[in-house]
Amino acid sequence: CLLKLALSKLSKKILSIFIERYSLFYNRLKNIEENEGGLDKFSKSYKTFGVNQFVDGGIYCKEWAPGAEAVFLTGDFNGWNPFSHPYKKMEYGKWELFIPPGQDGYPPVPHGSKLKVVIRAQNGELLYRISPWARYVVRDEDKVNYDWVHWNPPQSYIHKYPSPKRLKSLRIYESHVGIASPEGKVASYKNFTYNVLPRIKDLGYNCVQLMAIMEHAYYASFGYQVTSFFAASSRYGTPDDLKEMIDVAHSMGITVLLDVVHSHASKNSEDGLNKFDGTDSCFFHSGPKGTHQLWDSRLFDYANWEVLRFLLSNLRMWIEDYRFDGFRFDGVTSMLYHHHGIGTGFSGDYNEYFGLHVDEDALCYLMLANHMINFLHPECITIAEVRSEFAILNDINID
């Protein structure tokens, strides 16, 4: 076993850190079990947070905004009245709202309605925000910022084909849907489905890795400045278009991986996560620690309970709603170190992977993420994009 071989070569100091690292993981896992009913239930939070419709047509809304003085829901459904639908304050910075179905049985928030969460900040200012859990956001041609659109079609796309069996060897075709066309415009999911996938299959590839799927306001970022983590980019089409694209890939025996960005987030506030509740922190570290010096983006606080809920649920949603077969985790080097790999060389010395410069909370998140994926969907693939050759990374179940 590579793990046993590596452990036999570790000094007592490094071995002690290694044991502490696994203790942190098991303690977090135990706390999730005791307080949330287990990782399975914890990672299903995307079905309760944000705006979700019950079978009877009622709408349940839930947000985490610990710095907010009050929270409201507004939109097309109430004539954009900012105060008519207040959330009820819960424990631990959570807020909830239930809107019963109409007398005719129809949902009070129709499919396609534009919405905003209204946050009353601690200074009294009203902030109009997109829910961090929004499933669909669009930008009109005459606007700069994205709008949140309630996505709940009467008939959603139903997958027809099973995922391919996990292969021992992958031939990966990395692709960007928007530029996968010779035309001088942003290409679509439909174009990729019917023009690009057949070519990928004919070339002998058995896996496609899709970048720039998670919604990002800045197109030139190639998808690496994510603004809406639960929304498939509307530049290329609808969520159902993406589901169909993945389904067709599966019919061809092609495995589909998502280039997932959990290493940082866009600094956008009006259509992103930044300052969602009016504070500098919320999902991120506060102060300089919460901003990446080179990427000019926000950095997650991986020790925060609700951040873990958000990120783990995000992975679960992409697997179960869209049927992605795994992930390529982007920017893992930045996650693993407090210095984010900036101006740092790596020689392979074990001391580079153990010590105060390692972000143990970020590493623990990766361990939780991979444990969850392996437990719930063992056929899924996980790949870490890391340039530091982090020691024993494979043996924490990140391939």
Protein backbone atom coordinates (compact mmCIF):
# COMPACT_ATOMS: atom_id res chain seq x y z
CA CYS A 1 0.00 0.00 0.00
CA LEU A 2 1.39 3.40 -0.98
CA LEU A 3 -0.02 4.93 2.19
CA LYS A 4 1.79 2.46 4.49
CA LEU A 5 5.02 2.92 2.54
CA ALA A 6 4.76 6.69 2.82
CA LEU A 7 3.93 6.55 6.53
CA SER A 8 6.99 4.41 7.22
CA LYS A 9 9.20 7.18 5.85
CA LEU A 10 7.64 10.02 7.84
CA SER A 11 9.34 11.63 10.81
CA LYS A 12 7.55 11.55 14.17
CA LYS A 13 6.66 15.25 13.76
CA ILE A 14 5.12 14.76 10.34
CA LEU A 15 3.41 11.56 11.42
CA SER A 16 1.80 13.48 14.28
CA ILE A 17 0.47 16.09 11.84
CA PHE A 18 -0.78 13.33 9.58
CA ILE A 19 -2.73 11.75 12.45
CA GLU A 20 -4.18 15.16 13.42
CA ARG A 21 -5.25 15.64 9.80
CA TYR A 22 -7.27 12.44 9.80
CA SER A 23 -8.64 13.18 13.27
CA LEU A 24 -10.02 16.48 11.97
CA PHE A 25 -11.71 14.65 9.11
CA TYR A 26 -13.29 11.99 11.33
CA ASN A 27 -14.42 14.57 13.90
CA ARG A 28 -16.12 16.67 11.20
CA LEU A 29 -17.75 13.57 9.80
CA LYS A 30 -18.96 12.62 13.29
CA ASN A 31 -20.32 16.13 13.92
CA ILE A 32 -22.24 16.04 10.64
CA GLU A 33 -23.68 12.67 11.65
CA GLU A 34 -24.73 13.91 15.09
CA ASN A 35 -26.07 17.34 14.08
CA GLU A 36 -27.37 16.85 10.54
CA GLY A 37 -28.35 13.19 10.40
CA GLY A 38 -25.38 12.18 8.28
CA LEU A 39 -23.51 13.24 5.17
CA ASP A 40 -26.29 11.95 2.92
CA LYS A 41 -28.87 14.31 4.43
CA PHE A 42 -26.38 17.17 4.84
CA SER A 43 -25.42 17.14 1.16
CA LYS A 44 -29.08 17.16 0.07
CA SER A 45 -29.47 20.72 1.34
CA TYR A 46 -29.85 22.02 -2.21
CA LYS A 47 -33.38 20.57 -2.01
CA THR A 48 -34.31 22.84 0.92
CA PHE A 49 -32.11 25.94 0.56
CA GLY A 50 -32.87 28.59 -2.03
CA VAL A 51 -36.39 28.43 -3.48
CA ASN A 52 -38.00 24.99 -3.83
CA GLN A 53 -41.53 23.95 -4.72
CA PHE A 54 -43.48 21.33 -2.78
CA VAL A 55 -45.72 18.75 -4.46
CA ASP A 56 -48.83 20.73 -3.45
CA GLY A 57 -47.50 23.85 -5.19
CA GLY A 58 -46.31 25.62 -2.05
CA ILE A 59 -42.94 27.37 -2.12
CA TYR A 60 -40.34 26.88 0.61
CA CYS A 61 -37.47 29.36 0.80
CA LYS A 62 -34.39 29.14 2.98
CA GLU A 63 -31.17 31.14 3.16
CA TRP A 64 -28.12 31.44 5.36
CA ALA A 65 -27.42 35.13 6.01
CA PRO A 66 -25.87 35.45 9.48
CA GLY A 67 -25.11 39.16 9.11
CA ALA A 68 -28.60 40.20 7.99
CA GLU A 69 -31.05 42.14 10.15
CA ALA A 70 -33.99 40.99 8.03
CA VAL A 71 -34.58 38.98 4.85
CA PHE A 72 -37.39 39.21 2.28
CA LEU A 73 -38.31 37.64 -1.06
CA THR A 74 -39.42 39.85 -3.92
CA GLY A 75 -39.98 39.48 -7.64
CA ASP A 76 -42.49 39.30 -10.45
CA PHE A 77 -44.82 37.22 -8.27
CA ASN A 78 -45.52 40.08 -5.81
CA GLY A 79 -45.05 43.11 -8.06
CA TRP A 80 -41.55 43.60 -6.66
CA ASN A 81 -42.85 44.60 -3.25
CA PRO A 82 -39.66 44.36 -1.16
CA PHE A 83 -41.38 43.76 2.20
CA SER A 84 -44.53 41.70 1.58
CA HIS A 85 -42.81 38.32 2.01
CA PRO A 86 -40.49 38.38 5.05
CA TYR A 87 -38.42 35.39 6.09
CA LYS A 88 -38.57 34.07 9.65
CA LYS A 89 -35.30 34.10 11.57
CA MET A 90 -34.02 30.70 12.66
CA GLU A 91 -30.99 29.52 14.61
CA TYR A 92 -27.41 29.84 13.36
CA GLY A 93 -28.04 32.64 10.88
CA LYS A 94 -30.66 30.81 8.84
CA TRP A 95 -33.91 32.31 7.54
CA GLU A 96 -37.00 30.57 6.14
CA LEU A 97 -40.21 31.47 4.34
CA PHE A 98 -43.18 29.37 3.23
CA ILE A 99 -45.60 30.66 0.60
CA PRO A 100 -48.72 28.48 0.35
CA PRO A 101 -50.17 27.54 -3.03
CA GLY A 102 -52.94 29.67 -4.50
CA GLN A 103 -56.60 28.76 -4.12
CA ASP A 104 -56.46 27.34 -7.63
CA GLY A 105 -53.61 25.05 -6.58
CA TYR A 106 -51.07 26.81 -8.74
CA PRO A 107 -47.66 27.72 -7.28
CA PRO A 108 -47.43 31.35 -6.09
CA VAL A 109 -44.06 31.72 -7.84
CA PRO A 110 -44.53 30.60 -11.46
CA HIS A 111 -41.82 29.06 -13.59
CA GLY A 112 -39.80 31.80 -15.31
CA SER A 113 -40.45 34.45 -12.65
CA LYS A 114 -37.62 36.82 -11.81
CA LEU A 115 -36.70 36.92 -8.13
CA LYS A 116 -34.43 38.65 -5.64
CA VAL A 117 -33.58 38.11 -2.01
CA VAL A 118 -33.78 41.42 -0.17
CA ILE A 119 -31.28 41.72 2.67
CA ARG A 120 -31.54 44.45 5.28
CA ALA A 121 -27.92 44.88 6.28
CA GLN A 122 -26.71 45.80 9.75
CA ASN A 123 -26.37 49.45 8.67
CA GLY A 124 -30.00 49.51 7.48
CA GLU A 125 -29.17 49.37 3.77
CA LEU A 126 -31.39 47.23 1.54
CA LEU A 127 -29.42 44.85 -0.68
CA TYR A 128 -30.99 43.06 -3.64
CA ARG A 129 -29.26 39.71 -4.04
CA ILE A 130 -29.42 36.50 -6.06
CA SER A 131 -29.80 33.44 -3.86
CA PRO A 132 -26.51 31.52 -3.59
CA TRP A 133 -28.61 28.43 -4.39
CA ALA A 134 -30.22 29.84 -7.56
CA ARG A 135 -30.58 27.21 -10.30
CA TYR A 136 -30.90 29.53 -13.30
CA VAL A 137 -29.69 33.07 -13.93
CA VAL A 138 -29.82 35.05 -17.17
CA ARG A 139 -28.50 38.35 -18.46
CA ASP A 140 -30.48 40.54 -20.81
CA GLU A 141 -28.45 42.03 -23.65
CA ASP A 142 -29.01 45.57 -22.39
CA LYS A 143 -27.90 44.77 -18.82
CA VAL A 144 -24.59 44.23 -17.07
CA ASN A 145 -25.71 42.05 -14.17
CA TYR A 146 -27.46 38.70 -14.19
CA ASP A 147 -31.06 38.14 -13.08
CA TRP A 148 -32.27 35.19 -11.05
CA VAL A 149 -35.05 33.28 -12.81
CA HIS A 150 -37.10 30.66 -10.98
CA TRP A 151 -36.58 27.42 -12.89
CA ASN A 152 -39.36 24.90 -12.35
CA PRO A 153 -40.74 23.81 -15.75
CA PRO A 154 -43.94 21.72 -15.84
CA GLN A 155 -41.97 18.98 -17.58
CA SER A 156 -38.23 18.78 -16.98
CA TYR A 157 -35.89 16.71 -19.12
CA ILE A 158 -35.82 13.04 -18.11
CA HIS A 159 -32.57 11.15 -18.69
CA LYS A 160 -32.97 8.09 -20.90
CA TYR A 161 -29.53 6.49 -20.81
CA PRO A 162 -27.43 5.10 -17.94
CA SER A 163 -24.00 6.46 -17.19
CA PRO A 164 -21.13 4.46 -18.70
CA LYS A 165 -19.39 2.00 -16.41
CA ARG A 166 -16.27 3.40 -14.77
CA LEU A 167 -13.33 2.82 -17.10
CA LYS A 168 -9.82 1.80 -16.10
CA SER A 169 -8.31 4.14 -18.67
CA LEU A 170 -9.68 7.50 -19.81
CA ARG A 171 -9.03 9.41 -23.00
CA ILE A 172 -10.20 12.86 -21.96
CA TYR A 173 -11.34 15.55 -24.38
CA GLU A 174 -11.36 18.91 -22.58
CA SER A 175 -13.85 21.33 -24.05
CA HIS A 176 -15.58 24.69 -23.62
CA VAL A 177 -19.14 24.62 -24.96
CA GLY A 178 -19.17 28.31 -25.84
CA ILE A 179 -16.15 28.20 -28.14
CA ALA A 180 -16.80 24.75 -29.63
CA SER A 181 -17.89 26.20 -32.96
CA PRO A 182 -16.21 27.96 -35.93
CA GLU A 183 -18.94 30.60 -35.89
CA GLY A 184 -18.21 34.00 -34.41
CA LYS A 185 -20.68 33.67 -31.56
CA VAL A 186 -21.15 31.85 -28.27
CA ALA A 187 -22.07 28.27 -29.17
CA SER A 188 -24.86 26.31 -27.50
CA TYR A 189 -25.45 23.07 -25.64
CA LYS A 190 -27.51 21.96 -28.66
CA ASN A 191 -24.59 22.61 -31.00
CA PHE A 192 -22.28 20.61 -28.75
CA THR A 193 -24.79 17.77 -28.52
CA TYR A 194 -25.31 17.26 -32.22
CA ASN A 195 -22.09 18.57 -33.80
CA VAL A 196 -19.27 18.14 -31.28
CA LEU A 197 -20.09 14.95 -29.36
CA PRO A 198 -20.18 12.79 -32.52
CA ARG A 199 -16.73 14.09 -33.47
CA ILE A 200 -15.38 13.38 -29.98
CA LYS A 201 -16.71 9.83 -30.26
CA ASP A 202 -15.26 9.35 -33.77
CA LEU A 203 -11.83 10.52 -32.59
CA GLY A 204 -11.74 7.69 -30.04
CA TYR A 205 -12.25 9.66 -26.83
CA ASN A 206 -14.27 8.04 -24.07
CA CYS A 207 -14.52 11.03 -21.73
CA VAL A 208 -15.28 14.73 -22.08
CA GLN A 209 -14.29 17.26 -19.43
CA LEU A 210 -16.48 20.36 -19.58
CA MET A 211 -15.19 23.72 -18.42
CA ALA A 212 -17.13 26.98 -17.89
CA ILE A 213 -20.43 25.26 -17.02
CA MET A 214 -20.96 26.80 -13.58
CA GLU A 215 -22.43 30.26 -14.19
CA HIS A 216 -19.91 33.08 -14.43
CA ALA A 217 -20.70 36.71 -15.18
CA TYR A 218 -17.26 37.39 -16.71
CA TYR A 219 -17.12 35.29 -19.88
CA ALA A 220 -13.41 35.94 -20.45
CA SER A 221 -12.61 34.15 -17.18
CA PHE A 222 -13.23 30.83 -18.99
CA GLY A 223 -15.58 29.90 -16.18
CA TYR A 224 -13.10 30.32 -13.34
CA GLN A 225 -14.83 33.33 -11.71
CA VAL A 226 -18.03 31.59 -10.68
CA THR A 227 -20.98 33.75 -9.62
CA SER A 228 -23.80 31.17 -9.32
CA PHE A 229 -22.56 27.75 -8.24
CA PHE A 230 -25.82 25.84 -8.71
CA ALA A 231 -26.69 27.35 -12.09
CA ALA A 232 -25.64 25.93 -15.45
CA SER A 233 -24.47 28.77 -17.68
CA SER A 234 -27.43 30.24 -19.54
CA ARG A 235 -25.17 31.56 -22.32
CA TYR A 236 -25.38 28.17 -23.98
CA GLY A 237 -29.04 27.34 -23.29
CA THR A 238 -31.30 26.02 -20.55
CA PRO A 239 -30.65 23.50 -17.77
CA ASP A 240 -32.67 20.97 -19.77
CA ASP A 241 -30.40 21.53 -22.78
CA LEU A 242 -27.39 20.61 -20.65
CA LYS A 243 -29.16 17.54 -19.27
CA GLU A 244 -29.93 16.40 -22.81
CA MET A 245 -26.31 16.98 -23.83
CA ILE A 246 -25.02 14.77 -21.00
CA ASP A 247 -27.66 12.15 -21.74
CA VAL A 248 -26.65 11.97 -25.40
CA ALA A 249 -22.98 11.68 -24.36
CA HIS A 250 -23.92 8.74 -22.15
CA SER A 251 -25.77 7.12 -25.06
CA MET A 252 -22.45 7.20 -26.93
CA GLY A 253 -20.59 5.63 -24.01
CA ILE A 254 -18.87 8.92 -23.17
CA THR A 255 -18.14 9.75 -19.53
CA VAL A 256 -18.78 13.42 -18.65
CA LEU A 257 -16.68 15.28 -16.05
CA LEU A 258 -17.36 18.76 -14.69
CA ASP A 259 -14.55 21.23 -14.18
CA VAL A 260 -15.68 22.28 -10.69
CA VAL A 261 -14.37 25.50 -9.13
CA HIS A 262 -14.47 25.35 -5.33
CA SER A 263 -11.11 27.03 -4.83
CA HIS A 264 -12.47 30.58 -5.00
CA ALA A 265 -15.44 32.68 -6.16
CA SER A 266 -16.08 35.88 -8.08
CA LYS A 267 -15.97 39.19 -6.19
CA ASN A 268 -19.31 40.18 -7.72
CA SER A 269 -21.91 41.06 -5.12
CA GLU A 270 -25.04 41.99 -7.09
CA ASP A 271 -24.97 38.71 -9.02
CA GLY A 272 -22.48 36.68 -6.97
CA LEU A 273 -21.81 35.38 -3.45
CA ASN A 274 -19.67 38.28 -2.27
CA LYS A 275 -21.18 40.26 0.62
CA PHE A 276 -24.43 38.32 0.30
CA ASP A 277 -25.57 39.31 3.80
CA GLY A 278 -23.89 42.72 3.72
CA THR A 279 -20.78 41.59 5.58
CA ASP A 280 -17.27 40.99 4.30
CA SER A 281 -17.36 37.37 5.41
CA CYS A 282 -20.43 35.08 5.22
CA PHE A 283 -19.13 32.35 2.86
CA PHE A 284 -15.57 33.69 2.90
CA HIS A 285 -12.73 34.62 5.20
CA SER A 286 -12.91 38.25 6.26
CA GLY A 287 -10.15 40.75 5.62
CA PRO A 288 -7.06 40.10 3.47
CA LYS A 289 -7.26 36.34 4.12
CA GLY A 290 -10.50 36.26 2.16
CA THR A 291 -9.10 37.63 -1.10
CA HIS A 292 -6.75 35.95 -3.56
CA GLN A 293 -3.92 38.37 -4.40
CA LEU A 294 -3.48 37.25 -8.00
CA TRP A 295 -6.97 36.18 -8.99
CA ASP A 296 -8.74 39.12 -7.29
CA SER A 297 -11.42 36.73 -6.08
CA ARG A 298 -12.94 35.63 -2.77
CA LEU A 299 -11.65 32.65 -0.77
CA PHE A 300 -13.96 30.24 1.02
CA ASP A 301 -13.80 29.62 4.76
CA TYR A 302 -13.64 25.82 4.65
CA ALA A 303 -13.95 25.56 8.44
CA ASN A 304 -17.42 27.11 8.33
CA TRP A 305 -20.28 24.64 8.76
CA GLU A 306 -22.56 26.34 6.22
CA VAL A 307 -19.77 26.63 3.66
CA LEU A 308 -19.30 22.86 3.91
CA ARG A 309 -23.05 22.41 3.45
CA PHE A 310 -23.03 24.68 0.40
CA LEU A 311 -20.05 23.10 -1.36
CA LEU A 312 -20.92 19.46 -0.62
CA SER A 313 -24.51 20.05 -1.73
CA ASN A 314 -23.19 21.68 -4.89
CA LEU A 315 -21.30 18.53 -5.85
CA ARG A 316 -24.33 16.37 -5.05
CA MET A 317 -26.60 18.50 -7.23
CA TRP A 318 -24.35 18.29 -10.30
CA ILE A 319 -24.18 14.51 -9.96
CA GLU A 320 -27.83 13.78 -9.25
CA ASP A 321 -29.66 16.47 -11.22
CA TYR A 322 -27.42 16.64 -14.28
CA ARG A 323 -25.82 13.17 -14.11
CA PHE A 324 -22.20 14.28 -14.28
CA ASP A 325 -19.87 11.31 -13.82
CA GLY A 326 -17.27 13.09 -11.73
CA PHE A 327 -15.20 16.20 -11.27
CA ARG A 328 -11.89 17.80 -12.01
CA PHE A 329 -11.32 20.04 -8.97
CA ASP A 330 -9.71 23.25 -10.19
CA GLY A 331 -7.08 25.26 -8.31
CA VAL A 332 -6.41 22.69 -5.59
CA THR A 333 -2.90 24.06 -5.01
CA SER A 334 -4.46 27.37 -3.99
CA MET A 335 -6.80 25.56 -1.62
CA LEU A 336 -4.14 23.46 0.09
CA TYR A 337 -1.84 26.27 1.20
CA HIS A 338 -2.33 29.54 3.03
CA HIS A 339 0.18 31.04 0.57
CA HIS A 340 -1.94 29.60 -2.31
CA GLY A 341 1.22 28.55 -4.11
CA ILE A 342 2.00 32.17 -4.97
CA GLY A 343 5.74 32.65 -5.51
CA THR A 344 6.42 29.19 -4.14
CA GLY A 345 8.42 26.37 -5.65
CA PHE A 346 7.90 22.72 -4.75
CA SER A 347 10.73 20.20 -4.56
CA GLY A 348 8.84 17.19 -3.22
CA ASP A 349 10.21 17.48 0.30
CA TYR A 350 7.61 16.21 2.80
CA ASN A 351 8.00 19.34 4.91
CA GLU A 352 6.29 21.24 2.08
CA TYR A 353 3.13 19.23 2.69
CA PHE A 354 3.01 19.29 6.48
CA GLY A 355 3.12 22.40 8.65
CA LEU A 356 1.41 25.68 9.43
CA HIS A 357 1.48 26.75 5.77
CA VAL A 358 -1.02 23.99 4.88
CA ASP A 359 -4.72 24.89 5.07
CA GLU A 360 -5.93 21.84 7.00
CA ASP A 361 -9.56 22.95 6.78
CA ALA A 362 -9.41 23.07 2.98
CA LEU A 363 -7.78 19.65 2.91
CA CYS A 364 -10.48 18.34 5.24
CA TYR A 365 -13.15 19.68 2.87
CA LEU A 366 -11.58 17.77 -0.02
CA MET A 367 -11.53 14.62 2.10
CA LEU A 368 -15.20 15.10 3.00
CA ALA A 369 -16.10 15.78 -0.62
CA ASN A 370 -14.38 12.69 -1.89
CA HIS A 371 -15.72 10.55 0.93
CA MET A 372 -19.25 11.70 0.12
CA ILE A 373 -18.83 11.02 -3.61
CA ASN A 374 -17.26 7.59 -3.04
CA PHE A 375 -19.94 6.62 -0.53
CA LEU A 376 -23.01 7.82 -2.46
CA HIS A 377 -21.77 7.42 -6.02
CA PRO A 378 -18.74 5.08 -6.03
CA GLU A 379 -18.71 5.01 -9.83
CA CYS A 380 -17.86 8.73 -9.98
CA ILE A 381 -14.35 9.99 -10.76
CA THR A 382 -12.48 12.69 -8.84
CA ILE A 383 -9.38 14.43 -10.16
CA ALA A 384 -7.38 17.14 -8.40
CA GLU A 385 -5.61 19.82 -10.44
CA VAL A 386 -2.54 20.40 -8.28
CA ARG A 387 0.95 21.51 -9.24
CA SER A 388 2.68 20.96 -5.89
CA GLU A 389 2.62 17.14 -6.15
CA PHE A 390 1.00 17.11 -2.72
CA ALA A 391 2.20 13.99 -0.90
CA ILE A 392 -0.28 11.14 -0.35
CA LEU A 393 -3.06 13.09 -2.08
CA ASN A 394 -4.21 9.91 -3.81
CA ASP A 395 -4.53 8.13 -0.49
CA ILE A 396 -7.03 10.66 0.87
CA ASN A 397 -9.27 9.40 -1.92
CA ILE A 398 -8.65 12.25 -4.34
CA ASP A 399 -7.38 10.55 -7.50
